[in-house]
């Protein structure tokens, strides 16, 4: 494993919270997508990720790796999750509107799901409680594999993302009194309210 990957792997572990194959796989996919586009990690909204992942499976871990690699985060509002429950994503360079889609090859993904580690996860064993000896071969494989054997990478295509405008002005909610950014305030009985009070 090269030094750059080692650095991001350690950051990914600290962010993600447990060892598993999907987070470093997402990390490597994110780094590869950036390499294809010839871009650096996003500091603000230079990049945008459209994740095809979902909930309740390893795709969540995969997305954590993508976010660590690309710097696209929910906090910066430059990640969109489509909930398609697929191990795939699109990375967009917002300065050029150039984009690339990366997905796992079906055969590679199917083989990963046959691993002893995944079998333990199917039994309900939390990832941090799986015997490290079952995880080690899978993790080593992910960190050292030739990505051409694991990924389908699209041709570069055009995608335009309309970056949301930042809002720094607030208004007090007429019902709960908490401050809400003006761009999210709603009117209820002619008074500004937060979304939570609006939905009550």
C-alpha atoms as a PDB file:
ATOM      1  CA  UNK A   1       0.000   0.000   0.000  1.00  0.00           C
ATOM      2  CA  UNK A   2       1.481   3.354  -0.990  1.00  0.00           C
ATOM      3  CA  UNK A   3       1.997   6.129   1.562  1.00  0.00           C
ATOM      4  CA  UNK A   4      -0.847   8.311   0.285  1.00  0.00           C
ATOM      5  CA  UNK A   5      -3.360   5.446   0.489  1.00  0.00           C
ATOM      6  CA  UNK A   6      -2.074   4.517   3.955  1.00  0.00           C
ATOM      7  CA  UNK A   7      -2.658   8.097   5.154  1.00  0.00           C
ATOM      8  CA  UNK A   8      -6.227   8.227   3.846  1.00  0.00           C
ATOM      9  CA  UNK A   9      -6.962   4.706   5.083  1.00  0.00           C
ATOM     10  CA  UNK A  10      -6.040   5.748   8.627  1.00  0.00           C
ATOM     11  CA  UNK A  11      -8.173   8.897   8.347  1.00  0.00           C
ATOM     12  CA  UNK A  12     -11.005   6.749   6.980  1.00  0.00           C
ATOM     13  CA  UNK A  13     -10.767   4.320   9.912  1.00  0.00           C
ATOM     14  CA  UNK A  14     -10.925   7.171  12.427  1.00  0.00           C
ATOM     15  CA  UNK A  15     -13.937   8.674  10.617  1.00  0.00           C
ATOM     16  CA  UNK A  16     -15.796   5.441   9.911  1.00  0.00           C
ATOM     17  CA  UNK A  17     -15.288   3.755  13.279  1.00  0.00           C
ATOM     18  CA  UNK A  18     -14.630   0.108  12.371  1.00  0.00           C
ATOM     19  CA  UNK A  19     -12.564  -2.046  10.042  1.00  0.00           C
ATOM     20  CA  UNK A  20     -14.409  -3.476   7.054  1.00  0.00           C
ATOM     21  CA  UNK A  21     -13.682  -3.957   3.343  1.00  0.00           C
ATOM     22  CA  UNK A  22     -16.343  -1.555   2.029  1.00  0.00           C
ATOM     23  CA  UNK A  23     -14.955   1.687   3.507  1.00  0.00           C
ATOM     24  CA  UNK A  24     -11.452   1.301   2.006  1.00  0.00           C
ATOM     25  CA  UNK A  25     -13.028   0.132  -1.240  1.00  0.00           C
ATOM     26  CA  UNK A  26     -15.014   3.375  -1.362  1.00  0.00           C
ATOM     27  CA  UNK A  27     -11.848   5.256  -0.459  1.00  0.00           C
ATOM     28  CA  UNK A  28      -9.956   3.711  -3.364  1.00  0.00           C
ATOM     29  CA  UNK A  29     -12.877   4.307  -5.740  1.00  0.00           C
ATOM     30  CA  UNK A  30     -13.039   7.963  -4.723  1.00  0.00           C
ATOM     31  CA  UNK A  31      -9.293   8.409  -5.219  1.00  0.00           C
ATOM     32  CA  UNK A  32      -9.521   6.701  -8.627  1.00  0.00           C
ATOM     33  CA  UNK A  33     -12.411   8.912  -9.765  1.00  0.00           C
ATOM     34  CA  UNK A  34     -10.387  11.994  -8.769  1.00  0.00           C
ATOM     35  CA  UNK A  35      -7.399  10.669 -10.699  1.00  0.00           C
ATOM     36  CA  UNK A  36      -9.531  10.114 -13.821  1.00  0.00           C
ATOM     37  CA  UNK A  37     -10.873  13.674 -13.648  1.00  0.00           C
ATOM     38  CA  UNK A  38      -7.469  15.113 -12.716  1.00  0.00           C
ATOM     39  CA  UNK A  39      -8.822  16.923  -9.639  1.00  0.00           C
ATOM     40  CA  UNK A  40      -7.762  17.530  -6.049  1.00  0.00           C
ATOM     41  CA  UNK A  41      -9.805  16.791  -2.924  1.00  0.00           C
ATOM     42  CA  UNK A  42     -12.708  19.178  -2.411  1.00  0.00           C
ATOM     43  CA  UNK A  43     -12.115  21.918   0.155  1.00  0.00           C
ATOM     44  CA  UNK A  44     -15.528  23.499  -0.343  1.00  0.00           C
ATOM     45  CA  UNK A  45     -17.836  22.654  -3.254  1.00  0.00           C
ATOM     46  CA  UNK A  46     -15.264  22.107  -6.008  1.00  0.00           C
ATOM     47  CA  UNK A  47     -16.507  18.518  -6.378  1.00  0.00           C
ATOM     48  CA  UNK A  48     -19.948  16.912  -6.129  1.00  0.00           C
ATOM     49  CA  UNK A  49     -20.786  13.248  -5.459  1.00  0.00           C
ATOM     50  CA  UNK A  50     -24.002  11.588  -6.593  1.00  0.00           C
ATOM     51  CA  UNK A  51     -24.057   8.351  -4.605  1.00  0.00           C
ATOM     52  CA  UNK A  52     -26.259   5.467  -5.724  1.00  0.00           C
ATOM     53  CA  UNK A  53     -25.963   3.866  -2.288  1.00  0.00           C
ATOM     54  CA  UNK A  54     -28.757   3.382   0.223  1.00  0.00           C
ATOM     55  CA  UNK A  55     -29.296   2.083   3.756  1.00  0.00           C
ATOM     56  CA  UNK A  56     -29.082  -1.183   5.638  1.00  0.00           C
ATOM     57  CA  UNK A  57     -26.087  -2.708   3.859  1.00  0.00           C
ATOM     58  CA  UNK A  58     -22.381  -2.254   3.144  1.00  0.00           C
ATOM     59  CA  UNK A  59     -22.997   0.571   0.681  1.00  0.00           C
ATOM     60  CA  UNK A  60     -23.110   2.946   3.657  1.00  0.00           C
ATOM     61  CA  UNK A  61     -19.546   1.992   4.559  1.00  0.00           C
ATOM     62  CA  UNK A  62     -18.593   2.374   0.882  1.00  0.00           C
ATOM     63  CA  UNK A  63     -19.962   5.932   0.853  1.00  0.00           C
ATOM     64  CA  UNK A  64     -17.960   6.871   3.959  1.00  0.00           C
ATOM     65  CA  UNK A  65     -14.805   5.943   2.052  1.00  0.00           C
ATOM     66  CA  UNK A  66     -15.881   8.027  -0.952  1.00  0.00           C
ATOM     67  CA  UNK A  67     -16.530  11.042   1.284  1.00  0.00           C
ATOM     68  CA  UNK A  68     -13.135  10.735   2.994  1.00  0.00           C
ATOM     69  CA  UNK A  69     -11.334  10.510  -0.355  1.00  0.00           C
ATOM     70  CA  UNK A  70     -13.167  13.264  -2.217  1.00  0.00           C
ATOM     71  CA  UNK A  71     -13.903  15.713   0.594  1.00  0.00           C
ATOM     72  CA  UNK A  72     -17.552  15.743  -0.477  1.00  0.00           C
ATOM     73  CA  UNK A  73     -19.684  15.703   2.669  1.00  0.00           C
ATOM     74  CA  UNK A  74     -23.244  16.186   3.836  1.00  0.00           C
ATOM     75  CA  UNK A  75     -22.053  19.163   5.885  1.00  0.00           C
ATOM     76  CA  UNK A  76     -20.871  20.927   2.724  1.00  0.00           C
ATOM     77  CA  UNK A  77     -24.022  19.835   0.846  1.00  0.00           C
ATOM     78  CA  UNK A  78     -22.008  18.380  -2.027  1.00  0.00           C
ATOM     79  CA  UNK A  79     -23.204  14.796  -1.636  1.00  0.00           C
ATOM     80  CA  UNK A  80     -26.546  13.545  -2.919  1.00  0.00           C
ATOM     81  CA  UNK A  81     -27.705  10.030  -2.078  1.00  0.00           C
ATOM     82  CA  UNK A  82     -30.121   8.412  -4.536  1.00  0.00           C
ATOM     83  CA  UNK A  83     -31.010   5.374  -2.385  1.00  0.00           C
ATOM     84  CA  UNK A  84     -30.691   2.979  -5.315  1.00  0.00           C
ATOM     85  CA  UNK A  85     -28.817   0.486  -3.044  1.00  0.00           C
ATOM     86  CA  UNK A  86     -25.970   0.103  -5.528  1.00  0.00           C
ATOM     87  CA  UNK A  87     -22.206   0.242  -5.069  1.00  0.00           C
ATOM     88  CA  UNK A  88     -21.766   3.094  -7.531  1.00  0.00           C
ATOM     89  CA  UNK A  89     -21.378   6.860  -7.663  1.00  0.00           C
ATOM     90  CA  UNK A  90     -20.698   9.785  -9.984  1.00  0.00           C
ATOM     91  CA  UNK A  91     -18.029  12.385  -9.246  1.00  0.00           C
ATOM     92  CA  UNK A  92     -18.454  15.837 -10.802  1.00  0.00           C
ATOM     93  CA  UNK A  93     -15.780  18.516 -11.203  1.00  0.00           C
ATOM     94  CA  UNK A  94     -17.833  21.682 -10.757  1.00  0.00           C
ATOM     95  CA  UNK A  95     -15.254  23.960 -12.387  1.00  0.00           C
ATOM     96  CA  UNK A  96     -15.498  22.135 -15.722  1.00  0.00           C
ATOM     97  CA  UNK A  97     -18.810  20.190 -15.495  1.00  0.00           C
ATOM     98  CA  UNK A  98     -16.804  17.024 -16.252  1.00  0.00           C
ATOM     99  CA  UNK A  99     -18.016  13.876 -14.523  1.00  0.00           C
ATOM    100  CA  UNK A 100     -17.203  10.172 -14.245  1.00  0.00           C
ATOM    101  CA  UNK A 101     -19.300   7.269 -12.937  1.00  0.00           C
ATOM    102  CA  UNK A 102     -17.632   4.440 -11.014  1.00  0.00           C
ATOM    103  CA  UNK A 103     -19.284   1.125 -10.107  1.00  0.00           C
ATOM    104  CA  UNK A 104     -18.150  -2.273  -8.855  1.00  0.00           C
ATOM    105  CA  UNK A 105     -17.907  -5.019 -11.446  1.00  0.00           C
ATOM    106  CA  UNK A 106     -20.758  -7.470 -10.652  1.00  0.00           C
ATOM    107  CA  UNK A 107     -18.457 -10.513 -10.503  1.00  0.00           C
ATOM    108  CA  UNK A 108     -16.017  -8.814  -8.132  1.00  0.00           C
ATOM    109  CA  UNK A 109     -18.831  -7.596  -5.880  1.00  0.00           C
ATOM    110  CA  UNK A 110     -20.506 -11.026  -5.810  1.00  0.00           C
ATOM    111  CA  UNK A 111     -17.211 -12.669  -4.836  1.00  0.00           C
ATOM    112  CA  UNK A 112     -16.714 -10.193  -1.977  1.00  0.00           C
ATOM    113  CA  UNK A 113     -20.169 -11.062  -0.645  1.00  0.00           C
ATOM    114  CA  UNK A 114     -19.117 -14.718  -0.366  1.00  0.00           C
ATOM    115  CA  UNK A 115     -16.291 -13.935   2.080  1.00  0.00           C
ATOM    116  CA  UNK A 116     -16.268 -15.340   5.648  1.00  0.00           C
ATOM    117  CA  UNK A 117     -16.384 -11.756   6.946  1.00  0.00           C
ATOM    118  CA  UNK A 118     -19.640 -11.040   5.096  1.00  0.00           C
ATOM    119  CA  UNK A 119     -21.105 -14.367   6.235  1.00  0.00           C
ATOM    120  CA  UNK A 120     -20.520 -13.307   9.841  1.00  0.00           C
ATOM    121  CA  UNK A 121     -22.181  -9.954   9.105  1.00  0.00           C
ATOM    122  CA  UNK A 122     -25.181 -11.824   7.656  1.00  0.00           C
ATOM    123  CA  UNK A 123     -25.432 -13.677  10.981  1.00  0.00           C
ATOM    124  CA  UNK A 124     -25.767 -10.318  12.717  1.00  0.00           C
ATOM    125  CA  UNK A 125     -22.238 -10.072  14.115  1.00  0.00           C
ATOM    126  CA  UNK A 126     -21.209  -6.374  14.345  1.00  0.00           C
ATOM    127  CA  UNK A 127     -18.175  -5.606  12.161  1.00  0.00           C
ATOM    128  CA  UNK A 128     -15.981  -4.714  15.137  1.00  0.00           C
ATOM    129  CA  UNK A 129     -16.717  -8.140  16.688  1.00  0.00           C
ATOM    130  CA  UNK A 130     -15.771 -10.232  13.650  1.00  0.00           C
ATOM    131  CA  UNK A 131     -12.526 -12.167  14.168  1.00  0.00           C
ATOM    132  CA  UNK A 132      -9.783  -9.960  12.646  1.00  0.00           C
ATOM    133  CA  UNK A 133      -8.293 -13.062  11.019  1.00  0.00           C
ATOM    134  CA  UNK A 134     -11.437 -13.429   8.904  1.00  0.00           C
ATOM    135  CA  UNK A 135     -11.251  -9.789   7.843  1.00  0.00           C
ATOM    136  CA  UNK A 136      -7.517  -9.525   7.179  1.00  0.00           C
ATOM    137  CA  UNK A 137      -7.363 -11.370   3.810  1.00  0.00           C
ATOM    138  CA  UNK A 138     -10.335  -9.409   2.456  1.00  0.00           C
ATOM    139  CA  UNK A 139      -8.968  -6.086   3.703  1.00  0.00           C
ATOM    140  CA  UNK A 140      -5.502  -6.817   2.291  1.00  0.00           C
ATOM    141  CA  UNK A 141      -7.083  -7.700  -1.046  1.00  0.00           C
ATOM    142  CA  UNK A 142      -9.068  -4.441  -1.174  1.00  0.00           C
ATOM    143  CA  UNK A 143      -6.055  -2.325  -0.259  1.00  0.00           C
ATOM    144  CA  UNK A 144      -3.751  -3.968  -2.801  1.00  0.00           C
ATOM    145  CA  UNK A 145      -5.954  -5.068  -5.675  1.00  0.00           C
ATOM    146  CA  UNK A 146      -5.628  -3.906  -9.248  1.00  0.00           C
ATOM    147  CA  UNK A 147      -8.649  -1.633  -9.570  1.00  0.00           C
ATOM    148  CA  UNK A 148      -9.082  -2.543 -13.236  1.00  0.00           C
ATOM    149  CA  UNK A 149     -10.234  -5.966 -12.008  1.00  0.00           C
ATOM    150  CA  UNK A 150     -12.824  -4.476  -9.656  1.00  0.00           C
ATOM    151  CA  UNK A 151     -14.249  -1.314 -11.213  1.00  0.00           C
ATOM    152  CA  UNK A 152     -16.245  -0.216 -14.200  1.00  0.00           C
ATOM    153  CA  UNK A 153     -15.295   3.389 -14.967  1.00  0.00           C
ATOM    154  CA  UNK A 154     -17.322   5.377 -17.475  1.00  0.00           C
ATOM    155  CA  UNK A 155     -16.022   7.732 -20.100  1.00  0.00           C
ATOM    156  CA  UNK A 156     -15.899  11.328 -18.896  1.00  0.00           C
ATOM    157  CA  UNK A 157     -19.216  13.067 -19.569  1.00  0.00           C
ATOM    158  CA  UNK A 158     -20.833  16.459 -18.933  1.00  0.00           C
ATOM    159  CA  UNK A 159     -22.896  17.093 -15.807  1.00  0.00           C
ATOM    160  CA  UNK A 160     -23.865  20.520 -14.464  1.00  0.00           C
ATOM    161  CA  UNK A 161     -24.611  20.943 -10.761  1.00  0.00           C
ATOM    162  CA  UNK A 162     -26.296  24.142  -9.597  1.00  0.00           C
ATOM    163  CA  UNK A 163     -24.496  24.836  -6.342  1.00  0.00           C
ATOM    164  CA  UNK A 164     -26.872  26.004  -3.589  1.00  0.00           C
ATOM    165  CA  UNK A 165     -26.379  29.588  -2.440  1.00  0.00           C
ATOM    166  CA  UNK A 166     -25.116  30.020   1.097  1.00  0.00           C
ATOM    167  CA  UNK A 167     -27.476  31.753   3.547  1.00  0.00           C
ATOM    168  CA  UNK A 168     -26.251  33.565   6.641  1.00  0.00           C
ATOM    169  CA  UNK A 169     -29.427  35.418   7.707  1.00  0.00           C
ATOM    170  CA  UNK A 170     -31.754  33.948  10.325  1.00  0.00           C
ATOM    171  CA  UNK A 171     -35.244  34.527  11.670  1.00  0.00           C
ATOM    172  CA  UNK A 172     -36.780  33.384  14.960  1.00  0.00           C
ATOM    173  CA  UNK A 173     -39.418  30.682  14.631  1.00  0.00           C
ATOM    174  CA  UNK A 174     -42.750  32.106  15.796  1.00  0.00           C
ATOM    175  CA  UNK A 175     -43.603  28.838  17.598  1.00  0.00           C
ATOM    176  CA  UNK A 176     -40.449  27.365  19.189  1.00  0.00           C
ATOM    177  CA  UNK A 177     -38.346  30.541  19.229  1.00  0.00           C
ATOM    178  CA  UNK A 178     -35.267  28.858  17.764  1.00  0.00           C
ATOM    179  CA  UNK A 179     -33.355  30.594  15.000  1.00  0.00           C
ATOM    180  CA  UNK A 180     -33.712  29.157  11.516  1.00  0.00           C
ATOM    181  CA  UNK A 181     -31.885  30.218   8.370  1.00  0.00           C
ATOM    182  CA  UNK A 182     -34.229  32.346   6.271  1.00  0.00           C
ATOM    183  CA  UNK A 183     -33.944  30.135   3.199  1.00  0.00           C
ATOM    184  CA  UNK A 184     -35.533  27.281   5.182  1.00  0.00           C
ATOM    185  CA  UNK A 185     -38.216  29.231   7.058  1.00  0.00           C
ATOM    186  CA  UNK A 186     -41.872  28.599   6.199  1.00  0.00           C
ATOM    187  CA  UNK A 187     -44.974  30.714   6.712  1.00  0.00           C
ATOM    188  CA  UNK A 188     -47.660  29.381   9.058  1.00  0.00           C
ATOM    189  CA  UNK A 189     -50.628  31.578   9.907  1.00  0.00           C
ATOM    190  CA  UNK A 190     -48.679  34.440   8.352  1.00  0.00           C
ATOM    191  CA  UNK A 191     -45.649  34.002  10.640  1.00  0.00           C
ATOM    192  CA  UNK A 192     -42.213  32.522   9.949  1.00  0.00           C
ATOM    193  CA  UNK A 193     -41.667  29.081  11.445  1.00  0.00           C
ATOM    194  CA  UNK A 194     -39.014  26.369  11.220  1.00  0.00           C
ATOM    195  CA  UNK A 195     -39.671  23.217   9.230  1.00  0.00           C
ATOM    196  CA  UNK A 196     -40.294  21.176  12.405  1.00  0.00           C
ATOM    197  CA  UNK A 197     -43.024  23.494  13.620  1.00  0.00           C
ATOM    198  CA  UNK A 198     -44.428  23.853  10.117  1.00  0.00           C
ATOM    199  CA  UNK A 199     -44.968  20.077   9.931  1.00  0.00           C
ATOM    200  CA  UNK A 200     -46.706  19.821  13.331  1.00  0.00           C
END
